[in-house]
N, C-alpha and C. Protein backbone atom coordinates (compact mmCIF):
# COMPACT_ATOMS: atom_id res chain seq x y z
N MET A 1 0.86 -1.19 0.00
CA MET A 1 0.00 0.00 0.00
C MET A 1 0.90 1.24 0.00
N PRO A 2 0.60 2.19 -0.87
CA PRO A 2 1.42 3.40 -0.95
C PRO A 2 1.19 4.35 0.22
N ILE A 3 2.05 5.32 0.29
CA ILE A 3 1.93 6.38 1.30
C ILE A 3 0.63 7.12 1.03
N PRO A 4 -0.14 7.46 2.08
CA PRO A 4 -1.40 8.18 1.88
C PRO A 4 -1.18 9.51 1.16
N ILE A 5 -2.19 9.90 0.42
CA ILE A 5 -2.18 11.22 -0.21
C ILE A 5 -3.42 11.97 0.28
N PRO A 6 -3.34 13.29 0.30
CA PRO A 6 -4.49 14.07 0.77
C PRO A 6 -5.70 13.89 -0.15
N ASN A 7 -6.86 13.78 0.45
CA ASN A 7 -8.11 13.74 -0.31
C ASN A 7 -8.50 15.15 -0.71
N GLN A 8 -9.22 15.28 -1.80
CA GLN A 8 -9.67 16.59 -2.24
C GLN A 8 -10.51 17.23 -1.13
N GLY A 9 -10.18 18.45 -0.77
CA GLY A 9 -10.92 19.18 0.25
C GLY A 9 -10.52 18.85 1.68
N GLU A 10 -9.60 17.92 1.85
CA GLU A 10 -9.16 17.53 3.19
C GLU A 10 -8.23 18.60 3.76
N LYS A 11 -8.49 19.02 4.95
CA LYS A 11 -7.65 20.02 5.59
C LYS A 11 -6.31 19.41 5.98
N GLU A 12 -5.30 20.25 6.03
CA GLU A 12 -3.94 19.78 6.33
C GLU A 12 -3.89 19.02 7.65
N LYS A 13 -4.50 19.57 8.68
CA LYS A 13 -4.49 18.93 10.00
C LYS A 13 -5.16 17.55 9.95
N GLU A 14 -6.26 17.45 9.21
CA GLU A 14 -6.96 16.17 9.09
C GLU A 14 -6.09 15.14 8.37
N PHE A 15 -5.42 15.58 7.30
CA PHE A 15 -4.56 14.65 6.57
C PHE A 15 -3.40 14.18 7.44
N ILE A 16 -2.75 15.10 8.13
CA ILE A 16 -1.62 14.72 8.99
C ILE A 16 -2.06 13.70 10.02
N GLN A 17 -3.20 13.91 10.62
CA GLN A 17 -3.72 12.97 11.62
C GLN A 17 -3.97 11.59 11.00
N ARG A 18 -4.59 11.58 9.82
CA ARG A 18 -4.88 10.32 9.14
C ARG A 18 -3.59 9.62 8.71
N CYS A 19 -2.66 10.40 8.19
CA CYS A 19 -1.39 9.85 7.73
C CYS A 19 -0.58 9.29 8.90
N MET A 20 -0.56 10.00 10.01
CA MET A 20 0.24 9.59 11.17
C MET A 20 -0.29 8.29 11.79
N THR A 21 -1.56 8.00 11.64
CA THR A 21 -2.14 6.80 12.25
C THR A 21 -2.36 5.66 11.26
N ASP A 22 -1.97 5.89 10.00
CA ASP A 22 -2.11 4.86 8.98
C ASP A 22 -1.24 3.65 9.33
N ASP A 23 -1.82 2.45 9.30
CA ASP A 23 -1.10 1.23 9.70
C ASP A 23 0.19 1.03 8.92
N LYS A 24 0.15 1.25 7.62
CA LYS A 24 1.34 1.08 6.78
C LYS A 24 2.42 2.08 7.17
N MET A 25 2.04 3.31 7.41
CA MET A 25 3.00 4.35 7.80
C MET A 25 3.63 4.02 9.15
N VAL A 26 2.81 3.55 10.09
CA VAL A 26 3.33 3.22 11.43
C VAL A 26 4.34 2.08 11.33
N SER A 27 4.05 1.09 10.47
CA SER A 27 4.98 -0.04 10.36
C SER A 27 6.24 0.34 9.60
N GLU A 28 6.13 1.17 8.57
CA GLU A 28 7.30 1.55 7.79
C GLU A 28 8.12 2.67 8.44
N TYR A 29 7.47 3.51 9.20
CA TYR A 29 8.13 4.64 9.86
C TYR A 29 7.78 4.65 11.34
N PRO A 30 8.37 3.74 12.11
CA PRO A 30 8.02 3.66 13.54
C PRO A 30 8.43 4.92 14.32
N ASP A 31 9.42 5.64 13.82
CA ASP A 31 9.84 6.88 14.47
C ASP A 31 8.84 7.98 14.14
N THR A 32 8.22 8.54 15.16
CA THR A 32 7.17 9.54 14.98
C THR A 32 7.65 10.75 14.20
N ASP A 33 8.84 11.24 14.49
CA ASP A 33 9.35 12.43 13.79
C ASP A 33 9.55 12.16 12.31
N GLN A 34 10.09 11.00 11.99
CA GLN A 34 10.30 10.63 10.59
C GLN A 34 8.96 10.49 9.87
N ARG A 35 8.00 9.84 10.51
CA ARG A 35 6.67 9.66 9.92
C ARG A 35 6.01 11.02 9.68
N TYR A 36 6.13 11.93 10.63
CA TYR A 36 5.56 13.27 10.48
C TYR A 36 6.18 13.99 9.28
N THR A 37 7.49 13.85 9.13
CA THR A 37 8.18 14.49 8.01
C THR A 37 7.69 13.94 6.68
N VAL A 38 7.50 12.63 6.59
CA VAL A 38 6.99 12.02 5.36
C VAL A 38 5.58 12.53 5.08
N CYS A 39 4.74 12.59 6.09
CA CYS A 39 3.37 13.08 5.92
C CYS A 39 3.36 14.53 5.46
N ARG A 40 4.20 15.36 6.05
CA ARG A 40 4.28 16.78 5.67
C ARG A 40 4.76 16.91 4.22
N THR A 41 5.69 16.05 3.83
CA THR A 41 6.18 16.08 2.45
C THR A 41 5.05 15.73 1.48
N GLN A 42 4.22 14.77 1.86
CA GLN A 42 3.09 14.37 1.02
C GLN A 42 2.11 15.54 0.81
N ILE A 43 1.82 16.24 1.87
CA ILE A 43 0.83 17.32 1.73
C ILE A 43 1.42 18.51 0.98
N LYS A 44 2.69 18.77 1.15
CA LYS A 44 3.32 19.87 0.40
C LYS A 44 3.42 19.52 -1.08
N GLY A 45 3.65 18.25 -1.38
CA GLY A 45 3.76 17.82 -2.77
C GLY A 45 2.43 17.81 -3.51
N SER A 46 1.35 17.84 -2.77
CA SER A 46 0.03 17.78 -3.40
C SER A 46 -0.53 19.16 -3.73
N LYS A 47 0.15 20.20 -3.29
CA LYS A 47 -0.35 21.57 -3.53
C LYS A 47 0.18 22.14 -4.82
């Protein structure tokens, strides 16, 4: 399963929360800071 991407109309805070708790993300990025950075990169890349 790929890294989550923001849904159309999804607020940044909502996406970060969803991305941070995604099972695949938690298993691939157990370090919270690293996972947060990946999630932030995803949302910045979608704009």
